Amino acid sequence: MKKLIIVLLFTTAFSIFISGCISQSEYESLQQELSTTKQELSITQGKLEDTQIELSATQDKLNSTQDKILMLEAKYPLHYFETIRELERWIEQHQGQDKPSADKMHGEALRIQYEAMLDGYLISAVTFPTEEGYWVTVLEAIASREIYWWHPTELEAHRNTLDYYDYRESIK
């Protein structure tokens, strides 16, 4: 019985040893597959790093765009001045050039109107003829629910004492 156990143990050990061995060609094939897999992993990791860099740049662009939108939403839609003091302070900071010629006055009014838009305010630039045949340019804005007007080179806003629609009709 002892001999039988020894023979069985030897046979089992030999079977395990034989089944655990592989041929040289199989081993080389597995080595080649391992090398190829490592190369694919390296390439994929490089692509992943590139994608992460692109993702980071895209996220930065998204954040910048969202910041711009928040700035625009803070200004737009354009709004009126809350008080006459707010309007007067704004006029002082954006006064037109000293005494531009009549033909440049409208351009100056448009420049001021554009600056108002950038600051989020609604200002109208109006040019109309007088009875004497001259052209007059004024800026108009609403403050404290009233209409005010001023010349592009003035610092003082004048309260419009006429009904707005009557005023618009009178300048036609």
N, C-alpha and C. Protein backbone atom coordinates (compact mmCIF):
# COMPACT_ATOMS: atom_id res chain seq x y z
N MET A 1 0.80 -1.16 0.00
CA MET A 1 0.00 0.00 0.00
C MET A 1 0.86 1.25 0.00
N LYS A 2 1.95 1.14 0.71
CA LYS A 2 2.86 2.24 0.73
C LYS A 2 3.41 2.51 -0.65
N LYS A 3 3.70 1.52 -1.39
CA LYS A 3 4.23 1.68 -2.72
C LYS A 3 3.18 2.29 -3.63
N LEU A 4 1.97 1.89 -3.44
CA LEU A 4 0.89 2.42 -4.26
C LEU A 4 0.71 3.91 -4.00
N ILE A 5 0.78 4.32 -2.77
CA ILE A 5 0.64 5.73 -2.43
C ILE A 5 1.79 6.52 -3.03
N ILE A 6 2.99 5.98 -2.96
CA ILE A 6 4.15 6.65 -3.52
C ILE A 6 4.00 6.78 -5.03
N VAL A 7 3.54 5.73 -5.69
CA VAL A 7 3.35 5.76 -7.14
C VAL A 7 2.27 6.79 -7.50
N LEU A 8 1.19 6.81 -6.74
CA LEU A 8 0.13 7.77 -7.01
C LEU A 8 0.62 9.21 -6.79
N LEU A 9 1.37 9.45 -5.74
CA LEU A 9 1.90 10.78 -5.48
C LEU A 9 2.86 11.20 -6.59
N PHE A 10 3.71 10.27 -6.99
CA PHE A 10 4.66 10.57 -8.06
C PHE A 10 3.92 10.87 -9.35
N THR A 11 2.92 10.09 -9.70
CA THR A 11 2.15 10.28 -10.92
C THR A 11 1.42 11.61 -10.89
N THR A 12 0.83 11.94 -9.74
CA THR A 12 0.11 13.20 -9.61
C THR A 12 1.07 14.37 -9.74
N ALA A 13 2.21 14.32 -9.08
CA ALA A 13 3.20 15.40 -9.15
C ALA A 13 3.71 15.56 -10.57
N PHE A 14 3.98 14.42 -11.25
CA PHE A 14 4.46 14.48 -12.62
C PHE A 14 3.40 15.09 -13.54
N SER A 15 2.13 14.75 -13.35
CA SER A 15 1.03 15.29 -14.16
C SER A 15 0.91 16.81 -13.96
N ILE A 16 1.04 17.23 -12.72
CA ILE A 16 0.96 18.66 -12.43
C ILE A 16 2.13 19.38 -13.09
N PHE A 17 3.33 18.77 -13.00
CA PHE A 17 4.51 19.39 -13.58
C PHE A 17 4.37 19.48 -15.10
N ILE A 18 3.90 18.40 -15.73
CA ILE A 18 3.76 18.36 -17.18
C ILE A 18 2.69 19.35 -17.63
N SER A 19 1.55 19.40 -16.94
CA SER A 19 0.48 20.29 -17.36
C SER A 19 0.86 21.75 -17.12
N GLY A 20 1.74 22.04 -16.17
CA GLY A 20 2.17 23.40 -15.89
C GLY A 20 3.19 23.89 -16.88
N CYS A 21 3.78 23.09 -17.62
CA CYS A 21 4.79 23.49 -18.58
C CYS A 21 4.13 23.79 -19.91
N ILE A 22 4.70 24.80 -20.57
CA ILE A 22 4.20 25.12 -21.90
C ILE A 22 5.39 25.15 -22.84
N SER A 23 5.08 25.08 -24.09
CA SER A 23 6.15 25.04 -25.07
C SER A 23 6.79 26.42 -25.20
N GLN A 24 7.98 26.45 -25.74
CA GLN A 24 8.73 27.70 -25.95
C GLN A 24 7.96 28.64 -26.87
N SER A 25 7.34 28.10 -27.91
CA SER A 25 6.60 28.95 -28.86
C SER A 25 5.37 29.56 -28.18
N GLU A 26 4.71 28.77 -27.31
CA GLU A 26 3.57 29.33 -26.59
C GLU A 26 4.03 30.43 -25.64
N TYR A 27 5.16 30.21 -25.00
CA TYR A 27 5.71 31.21 -24.09
C TYR A 27 6.06 32.49 -24.84
N GLU A 28 6.71 32.39 -25.97
CA GLU A 28 7.07 33.56 -26.78
C GLU A 28 5.83 34.30 -27.28
N SER A 29 4.82 33.53 -27.65
CA SER A 29 3.57 34.13 -28.10
C SER A 29 2.92 34.94 -26.97
N LEU A 30 2.93 34.38 -25.75
CA LEU A 30 2.38 35.10 -24.60
C LEU A 30 3.21 36.34 -24.28
N GLN A 31 4.52 36.24 -24.42
CA GLN A 31 5.39 37.39 -24.19
C GLN A 31 5.08 38.49 -25.21
N GLN A 32 4.87 38.11 -26.46
CA GLN A 32 4.55 39.08 -27.51
C GLN A 32 3.19 39.74 -27.22
N GLU A 33 2.23 38.94 -26.79
CA GLU A 33 0.91 39.48 -26.45
C GLU A 33 1.02 40.45 -25.28
N LEU A 34 1.84 40.11 -24.28
CA LEU A 34 2.05 40.99 -23.13
C LEU A 34 2.69 42.31 -23.59
N SER A 35 3.67 42.25 -24.46
CA SER A 35 4.34 43.45 -24.98
C SER A 35 3.36 44.32 -25.76
N THR A 36 2.55 43.70 -26.60
CA THR A 36 1.55 44.44 -27.38
C THR A 36 0.54 45.11 -26.47
N THR A 37 0.09 44.40 -25.45
CA THR A 37 -0.88 44.94 -24.51
C THR A 37 -0.29 46.12 -23.74
N LYS A 38 0.99 46.03 -23.36
CA LYS A 38 1.64 47.15 -22.67
C LYS A 38 1.73 48.37 -23.58
N GLN A 39 2.03 48.16 -24.87
CA GLN A 39 2.08 49.27 -25.82
C GLN A 39 0.71 49.92 -25.98
N GLU A 40 -0.33 49.10 -26.10
CA GLU A 40 -1.69 49.61 -26.22
C GLU A 40 -2.08 50.41 -24.97
N LEU A 41 -1.67 49.92 -23.81
CA LEU A 41 -1.95 50.61 -22.56
C LEU A 41 -1.25 51.97 -22.55
N SER A 42 -0.01 52.02 -22.97
CA SER A 42 0.75 53.27 -23.01
C SER A 42 0.10 54.27 -23.97
N ILE A 43 -0.31 53.81 -25.13
CA ILE A 43 -0.97 54.68 -26.11
C ILE A 43 -2.29 55.20 -25.55
N THR A 44 -3.07 54.33 -24.94
CA THR A 44 -4.35 54.71 -24.37
C THR A 44 -4.17 55.71 -23.23
N GLN A 45 -3.13 55.50 -22.40
CA GLN A 45 -2.86 56.45 -21.32
C GLN A 45 -2.48 57.82 -21.89
N GLY A 46 -1.72 57.85 -22.98
CA GLY A 46 -1.38 59.11 -23.65
C GLY A 46 -2.62 59.81 -24.17
N LYS A 47 -3.51 59.05 -24.79
CA LYS A 47 -4.76 59.62 -25.29
C LYS A 47 -5.61 60.14 -24.13
N LEU A 48 -5.60 59.41 -23.02
CA LEU A 48 -6.36 59.85 -21.85
C LEU A 48 -5.81 61.17 -21.32
N GLU A 49 -4.49 61.30 -21.25
CA GLU A 49 -3.89 62.56 -20.80
C GLU A 49 -4.26 63.71 -21.74
N ASP A 50 -4.19 63.47 -23.05
CA ASP A 50 -4.59 64.50 -24.03
C ASP A 50 -6.04 64.89 -23.85
N THR A 51 -6.89 63.89 -23.63
CA THR A 51 -8.32 64.16 -23.44
C THR A 51 -8.55 64.95 -22.16
N GLN A 52 -7.80 64.63 -21.11
CA GLN A 52 -7.95 65.37 -19.85
C GLN A 52 -7.50 66.82 -20.02
N ILE A 53 -6.44 67.06 -20.79
CA ILE A 53 -5.99 68.43 -21.06
C ILE A 53 -7.06 69.17 -21.86
N GLU A 54 -7.61 68.51 -22.88
CA GLU A 54 -8.67 69.12 -23.69
C GLU A 54 -9.90 69.40 -22.83
N LEU A 55 -10.25 68.47 -21.95
CA LEU A 55 -11.38 68.67 -21.06
C LEU A 55 -11.15 69.87 -20.15
N SER A 56 -9.96 70.00 -19.62
CA SER A 56 -9.64 71.13 -18.75
C SER A 56 -9.76 72.45 -19.51
N ALA A 57 -9.25 72.49 -20.74
CA ALA A 57 -9.33 73.71 -21.55
C ALA A 57 -10.79 74.04 -21.87
N THR A 58 -11.58 73.01 -22.18
CA THR A 58 -12.99 73.22 -22.47
C THR A 58 -13.73 73.71 -21.23
N GLN A 59 -13.41 73.18 -20.07
CA GLN A 59 -14.04 73.64 -18.84
C GLN A 59 -13.67 75.09 -18.54
N ASP A 60 -12.41 75.46 -18.80
CA ASP A 60 -11.99 76.87 -18.62
C ASP A 60 -12.78 77.78 -19.55
N LYS A 61 -12.94 77.35 -20.81
CA LYS A 61 -13.70 78.15 -21.77
C LYS A 61 -15.16 78.27 -21.34
N LEU A 62 -15.73 77.18 -20.85
CA LEU A 62 -17.11 77.19 -20.36
C LEU A 62 -17.24 78.17 -19.19
N ASN A 63 -16.30 78.12 -18.25
CA ASN A 63 -16.36 79.03 -17.10
C ASN A 63 -16.25 80.48 -17.54
N SER A 64 -15.37 80.74 -18.49
CA SER A 64 -15.22 82.11 -19.01
C SER A 64 -16.51 82.57 -19.68
N THR A 65 -17.11 81.71 -20.48
CA THR A 65 -18.36 82.05 -21.16
C THR A 65 -19.47 82.30 -20.14
N GLN A 66 -19.55 81.47 -19.12
CA GLN A 66 -20.57 81.66 -18.08
C GLN A 66 -20.35 82.98 -17.34
N ASP A 67 -19.09 83.34 -17.09
CA ASP A 67 -18.80 84.63 -16.45
C ASP A 67 -19.27 85.78 -17.33
N LYS A 68 -19.03 85.69 -18.64
CA LYS A 68 -19.47 86.73 -19.56
C LYS A 68 -20.99 86.83 -19.57
N ILE A 69 -21.66 85.70 -19.55
CA ILE A 69 -23.12 85.70 -19.53
C ILE A 69 -23.63 86.36 -18.25
N LEU A 70 -23.00 86.05 -17.12
CA LEU A 70 -23.42 86.68 -15.86
C LEU A 70 -23.22 88.19 -15.91
N MET A 71 -22.12 88.64 -16.53
CA MET A 71 -21.89 90.08 -16.66
C MET A 71 -22.96 90.71 -17.54
N LEU A 72 -23.31 90.03 -18.63
CA LEU A 72 -24.34 90.55 -19.52
C LEU A 72 -25.70 90.58 -18.83
N GLU A 73 -26.00 89.53 -18.10
CA GLU A 73 -27.28 89.48 -17.41
C GLU A 73 -27.38 90.57 -16.35
N ALA A 74 -26.23 90.97 -15.80
CA ALA A 74 -26.24 92.05 -14.82
C ALA A 74 -26.57 93.39 -15.47
N LYS A 75 -26.28 93.54 -16.76
CA LYS A 75 -26.53 94.80 -17.46
C LYS A 75 -27.79 94.77 -18.30
N TYR A 76 -28.12 93.63 -18.85
CA TYR A 76 -29.20 93.57 -19.83
C TYR A 76 -30.36 92.76 -19.28
N PRO A 77 -31.57 93.07 -19.56
CA PRO A 77 -31.94 94.10 -20.51
C PRO A 77 -31.58 95.48 -19.96
N LEU A 78 -31.38 96.40 -20.88
CA LEU A 78 -31.03 97.76 -20.48
C LEU A 78 -32.10 98.31 -19.56
N HIS A 79 -31.69 99.14 -18.64
CA HIS A 79 -32.66 99.67 -17.67
C HIS A 79 -32.52 101.19 -17.55
N TYR A 80 -33.51 101.78 -16.89
CA TYR A 80 -33.53 103.22 -16.67
C TYR A 80 -32.73 103.55 -15.42
N PHE A 81 -32.46 104.82 -15.23
CA PHE A 81 -31.79 105.29 -14.02
C PHE A 81 -32.82 105.32 -12.89
N GLU A 82 -32.41 104.91 -11.72
CA GLU A 82 -33.32 104.88 -10.58
C GLU A 82 -33.66 106.29 -10.10
N THR A 83 -32.67 107.17 -10.08
CA THR A 83 -32.88 108.54 -9.58
C THR A 83 -32.22 109.54 -10.51
N ILE A 84 -32.61 110.80 -10.36
CA ILE A 84 -31.97 111.87 -11.14
C ILE A 84 -30.51 112.00 -10.72
N ARG A 85 -30.19 111.75 -9.46
CA ARG A 85 -28.79 111.82 -9.00
C ARG A 85 -27.93 110.77 -9.70
N GLU A 86 -28.48 109.59 -9.84
CA GLU A 86 -27.75 108.54 -10.55
C GLU A 86 -27.49 108.96 -12.00
N LEU A 87 -28.50 109.54 -12.64
CA LEU A 87 -28.34 110.02 -14.01
C LEU A 87 -27.29 111.12 -14.08
N GLU A 88 -27.36 112.08 -13.19
CA GLU A 88 -26.40 113.19 -13.20
C GLU A 88 -24.97 112.72 -12.96
N ARG A 89 -24.79 111.76 -12.04
CA ARG A 89 -23.45 111.21 -11.81
C ARG A 89 -22.93 110.52 -13.08
N TRP A 90 -23.83 109.80 -13.73
CA TRP A 90 -23.42 109.11 -14.96
C TRP A 90 -23.05 110.13 -16.04
N ILE A 91 -23.83 111.19 -16.18
CA ILE A 91 -23.54 112.23 -17.18
C ILE A 91 -22.18 112.86 -16.91
N GLU A 92 -21.88 113.14 -15.64
CA GLU A 92 -20.59 113.75 -15.30
C GLU A 92 -19.42 112.86 -15.73
N GLN A 93 -19.59 111.55 -15.63
CA GLN A 93 -18.52 110.61 -15.98
C GLN A 93 -18.41 110.38 -17.49
N HIS A 94 -19.44 110.77 -18.23
CA HIS A 94 -19.47 110.49 -19.67
C HIS A 94 -19.78 111.73 -20.50
N GLN A 95 -19.31 112.85 -20.05
CA GLN A 95 -19.58 114.10 -20.76
C GLN A 95 -18.94 114.05 -22.15
N GLY A 96 -19.63 114.66 -23.09
CA GLY A 96 -19.12 114.73 -24.44
C GLY A 96 -17.98 115.71 -24.57
N GLN A 97 -17.39 115.73 -25.77
CA GLN A 97 -16.29 116.66 -26.05
C GLN A 97 -16.79 118.10 -25.95
N ASP A 98 -15.87 118.98 -25.64
CA ASP A 98 -16.22 120.41 -25.57
C ASP A 98 -16.57 120.93 -26.95
N LYS A 99 -17.78 121.41 -27.09
CA LYS A 99 -18.26 122.12 -28.28
C LYS A 99 -17.87 121.48 -29.62
N PRO A 100 -18.30 120.25 -29.87
CA PRO A 100 -18.03 119.72 -31.21
C PRO A 100 -18.88 120.49 -32.23
N SER A 101 -18.46 120.43 -33.47
CA SER A 101 -19.24 121.11 -34.50
C SER A 101 -20.61 120.46 -34.62
N ALA A 102 -21.54 121.18 -35.19
CA ALA A 102 -22.91 120.69 -35.30
C ALA A 102 -22.98 119.36 -36.04
N ASP A 103 -22.15 119.20 -37.06
CA ASP A 103 -22.21 117.96 -37.83
C ASP A 103 -21.62 116.78 -37.05
N LYS A 104 -20.83 117.05 -36.01
CA LYS A 104 -20.26 115.98 -35.20
C LYS A 104 -21.05 115.74 -33.92
N MET A 105 -22.00 116.59 -33.62
CA MET A 105 -22.77 116.48 -32.39
C MET A 105 -23.55 115.16 -32.34
N HIS A 106 -24.14 114.77 -33.46
CA HIS A 106 -24.90 113.52 -33.47
C HIS A 106 -23.98 112.32 -33.21
N GLY A 107 -22.80 112.34 -33.82
CA GLY A 107 -21.82 111.28 -33.57
C GLY A 107 -21.41 111.22 -32.11
N GLU A 108 -21.26 112.37 -31.50
CA GLU A 108 -20.91 112.43 -30.09
C GLU A 108 -22.05 111.85 -29.24
N ALA A 109 -23.27 112.18 -29.61
CA ALA A 109 -24.44 111.64 -28.89
C ALA A 109 -24.49 110.12 -29.02
N LEU A 110 -24.18 109.62 -30.20
CA LEU A 110 -24.18 108.16 -30.40
C LEU A 110 -23.08 107.49 -29.58
N ARG A 111 -21.93 108.15 -29.46
CA ARG A 111 -20.85 107.60 -28.64
C ARG A 111 -21.31 107.50 -27.18
N ILE A 112 -21.94 108.55 -26.69
CA ILE A 112 -22.44 108.55 -25.30
C ILE A 112 -23.52 107.48 -25.13
N GLN A 113 -24.38 107.36 -26.12
CA GLN A 113 -25.44 106.34 -26.07
C GLN A 113 -24.81 104.94 -26.00
N TYR A 114 -23.77 104.72 -26.77
CA TYR A 114 -23.08 103.43 -26.78
C TYR A 114 -22.45 103.15 -25.40
N GLU A 115 -21.82 104.15 -24.81
CA GLU A 115 -21.24 103.98 -23.47
C GLU A 115 -22.32 103.65 -22.44
N ALA A 116 -23.47 104.27 -22.60
CA ALA A 116 -24.58 103.97 -21.68
C ALA A 116 -24.99 102.50 -21.83
N MET A 117 -25.07 102.04 -23.06
CA MET A 117 -25.43 100.65 -23.28
C MET A 117 -24.42 99.71 -22.62
N LEU A 118 -23.13 100.02 -22.75
CA LEU A 118 -22.11 99.19 -22.12
C LEU A 118 -22.25 99.17 -20.61
N ASP A 119 -22.76 100.26 -20.05
CA ASP A 119 -22.99 100.34 -18.61
C ASP A 119 -24.36 99.79 -18.21
N GLY A 120 -25.16 99.36 -19.18
CA GLY A 120 -26.45 98.77 -18.89
C GLY A 120 -27.61 99.74 -18.85
N TYR A 121 -27.42 100.97 -19.32
CA TYR A 121 -28.48 101.98 -19.28
C TYR A 121 -29.08 102.20 -20.67
N LEU A 122 -30.33 102.60 -20.67
CA LEU A 122 -31.04 102.93 -21.89
C LEU A 122 -31.10 104.44 -22.05
N ILE A 123 -30.42 104.93 -23.07
CA ILE A 123 -30.41 106.37 -23.39
C ILE A 123 -30.71 106.50 -24.87
N SER A 124 -31.53 107.47 -25.23
CA SER A 124 -31.85 107.72 -26.63
C SER A 124 -31.08 108.94 -27.11
N ALA A 125 -30.58 108.86 -28.33
CA ALA A 125 -29.96 110.01 -28.99
C ALA A 125 -30.95 110.48 -30.04
N VAL A 126 -31.36 111.75 -29.94
CA VAL A 126 -32.39 112.28 -30.83
C VAL A 126 -31.85 113.52 -31.54
N THR A 127 -32.00 113.54 -32.85
CA THR A 127 -31.63 114.73 -33.63
C THR A 127 -32.89 115.19 -34.36
N PHE A 128 -33.20 116.48 -34.23
CA PHE A 128 -34.42 117.00 -34.86
C PHE A 128 -34.16 118.43 -35.35
N PRO A 129 -34.95 118.87 -36.33
CA PRO A 129 -34.77 120.23 -36.85
C PRO A 129 -35.53 121.23 -35.99
N THR A 130 -35.01 122.43 -35.92
CA THR A 130 -35.71 123.53 -35.23
C THR A 130 -36.48 124.34 -36.27
N GLU A 131 -37.30 125.26 -35.80
CA GLU A 131 -38.05 126.12 -36.70
C GLU A 131 -37.12 127.03 -37.50
N GLU A 132 -35.95 127.31 -36.94
CA GLU A 132 -34.99 128.18 -37.62
C GLU A 132 -34.18 127.44 -38.68
N GLY A 133 -34.38 126.13 -38.79
CA GLY A 133 -33.66 125.35 -39.79
C GLY A 133 -32.38 124.71 -39.29
N TYR A 134 -32.09 124.82 -38.02
CA TYR A 134 -30.92 124.17 -37.44
C TYR A 134 -31.29 122.76 -37.00
N TRP A 135 -30.27 121.95 -36.85
CA TRP A 135 -30.49 120.61 -36.32
C TRP A 135 -29.98 120.58 -34.90
N VAL A 136 -30.75 120.01 -34.01
CA VAL A 136 -30.39 119.93 -32.59
C VAL A 136 -30.31 118.46 -32.20
N THR A 137 -29.28 118.14 -31.44
CA THR A 137 -29.13 116.77 -30.94
C THR A 137 -29.21 116.80 -29.43
N VAL A 138 -30.04 115.95 -28.89
CA VAL A 138 -30.15 115.81 -27.43
C VAL A 138 -30.12 114.34 -27.08
N LEU A 139 -29.83 114.09 -25.83
CA LEU A 139 -29.90 112.74 -25.28
C LEU A 139 -31.08 112.71 -24.32
N GLU A 140 -31.76 111.59 -24.28
CA GLU A 140 -32.92 111.44 -23.40
C GLU A 140 -32.74 110.18 -22.55
N ALA A 141 -33.18 110.28 -21.32
CA ALA A 141 -33.14 109.13 -20.43
C ALA A 141 -34.29 109.25 -19.45
N ILE A 142 -34.67 108.14 -18.89
CA ILE A 142 -35.71 108.12 -17.87
C ILE A 142 -35.05 107.88 -16.53
N ALA A 143 -35.39 108.75 -15.57
CA ALA A 143 -34.91 108.61 -14.20
C ALA A 143 -36.09 108.93 -13.28
N SER A 144 -36.26 108.16 -12.26
CA SER A 144 -37.37 108.36 -11.33
C SER A 144 -38.70 108.46 -12.07
N ARG A 145 -38.85 107.68 -13.10
CA ARG A 145 -40.08 107.60 -13.91
C ARG A 145 -40.42 108.90 -14.63
N GLU A 146 -39.43 109.74 -14.83
CA GLU A 146 -39.63 110.98 -15.59
C GLU A 146 -38.58 111.05 -16.69
N ILE A 147 -38.91 111.77 -17.75
CA ILE A 147 -38.00 111.91 -18.87
C ILE A 147 -37.11 113.12 -18.65
N TYR A 148 -35.81 112.94 -18.87
CA TYR A 148 -34.84 114.01 -18.79
C TYR A 148 -34.09 114.08 -20.11
N TRP A 149 -33.65 115.29 -20.46
CA TRP A 149 -32.88 115.46 -21.68
C TRP A 149 -31.69 116.36 -21.40
N TRP A 150 -30.67 116.25 -22.22
CA TRP A 150 -29.49 117.10 -22.12
C TRP A 150 -28.74 117.07 -23.45
N HIS A 151 -27.96 118.10 -23.68
CA HIS A 151 -27.11 118.15 -24.86
C HIS A 151 -25.85 117.33 -24.56
N PRO A 152 -25.27 116.71 -25.57
CA PRO A 152 -24.09 115.85 -25.33
C PRO A 152 -22.93 116.55 -24.62
N THR A 153 -22.82 117.86 -24.72
CA THR A 153 -21.71 118.57 -24.08
C THR A 153 -22.08 119.15 -22.72
N GLU A 154 -23.31 118.98 -22.29
CA GLU A 154 -23.76 119.54 -21.01
C GLU A 154 -23.64 118.52 -19.89
N LEU A 155 -23.55 119.04 -18.68
CA LEU A 155 -23.52 118.18 -17.50
C LEU A 155 -24.86 118.13 -16.78
N GLU A 156 -25.77 118.98 -17.16
CA GLU A 156 -27.04 119.08 -16.45
C GLU A 156 -28.18 118.49 -17.27
N ALA A 157 -28.95 117.62 -16.63
CA ALA A 157 -30.13 117.05 -17.28
C ALA A 157 -31.33 117.92 -16.94
N HIS A 158 -32.18 118.13 -17.92
CA HIS A 158 -33.38 118.96 -17.75
C HIS A 158 -34.60 118.06 -17.74
N ARG A 159 -35.46 118.30 -16.78
CA ARG A 159 -36.70 117.52 -16.70
C ARG A 159 -37.61 117.96 -17.84
N ASN A 160 -38.14 117.00 -18.53
CA ASN A 160 -39.06 117.29 -19.62
C ASN A 160 -40.41 117.65 -19.01
N THR A 161 -40.84 118.86 -19.23
CA THR A 161 -42.09 119.33 -18.63
C THR A 161 -43.29 119.03 -19.51
N LEU A 162 -43.06 118.60 -20.73
CA LEU A 162 -44.16 118.25 -21.62
C LEU A 162 -44.53 116.79 -21.47
N ASP A 163 -45.74 116.47 -21.80
CA ASP A 163 -46.11 115.08 -21.91
C ASP A 163 -45.20 114.45 -22.96
N TYR A 164 -44.70 113.30 -22.68
CA TYR A 164 -43.71 112.68 -23.56
C TYR A 164 -44.21 112.59 -25.01
N TYR A 165 -45.43 112.15 -25.20
CA TYR A 165 -45.92 111.98 -26.56
C TYR A 165 -46.14 113.34 -27.25
N ASP A 166 -46.57 114.35 -26.49
CA ASP A 166 -46.69 115.69 -27.06
C ASP A 166 -45.31 116.20 -27.45
N TYR A 167 -44.32 115.94 -26.61
CA TYR A 167 -42.96 116.37 -26.89
C TYR A 167 -42.45 115.72 -28.18
N ARG A 168 -42.65 114.43 -28.32
CA ARG A 168 -42.18 113.73 -29.53
C ARG A 168 -42.89 114.29 -30.77
N GLU A 169 -44.15 114.62 -30.63
CA GLU A 169 -44.89 115.20 -31.76
C GLU A 169 -44.38 116.59 -32.08
N SER A 170 -43.96 117.34 -31.07
CA SER A 170 -43.53 118.72 -31.30
C SER A 170 -42.19 118.79 -32.02
N ILE A 171 -41.40 117.73 -32.00
CA ILE A 171 -40.09 117.79 -32.66
C ILE A 171 -40.13 117.25 -34.07
N LYS A 172 -41.28 116.79 -34.53
CA LYS A 172 -41.36 116.25 -35.88
C LYS A 172 -41.34 117.36 -36.92
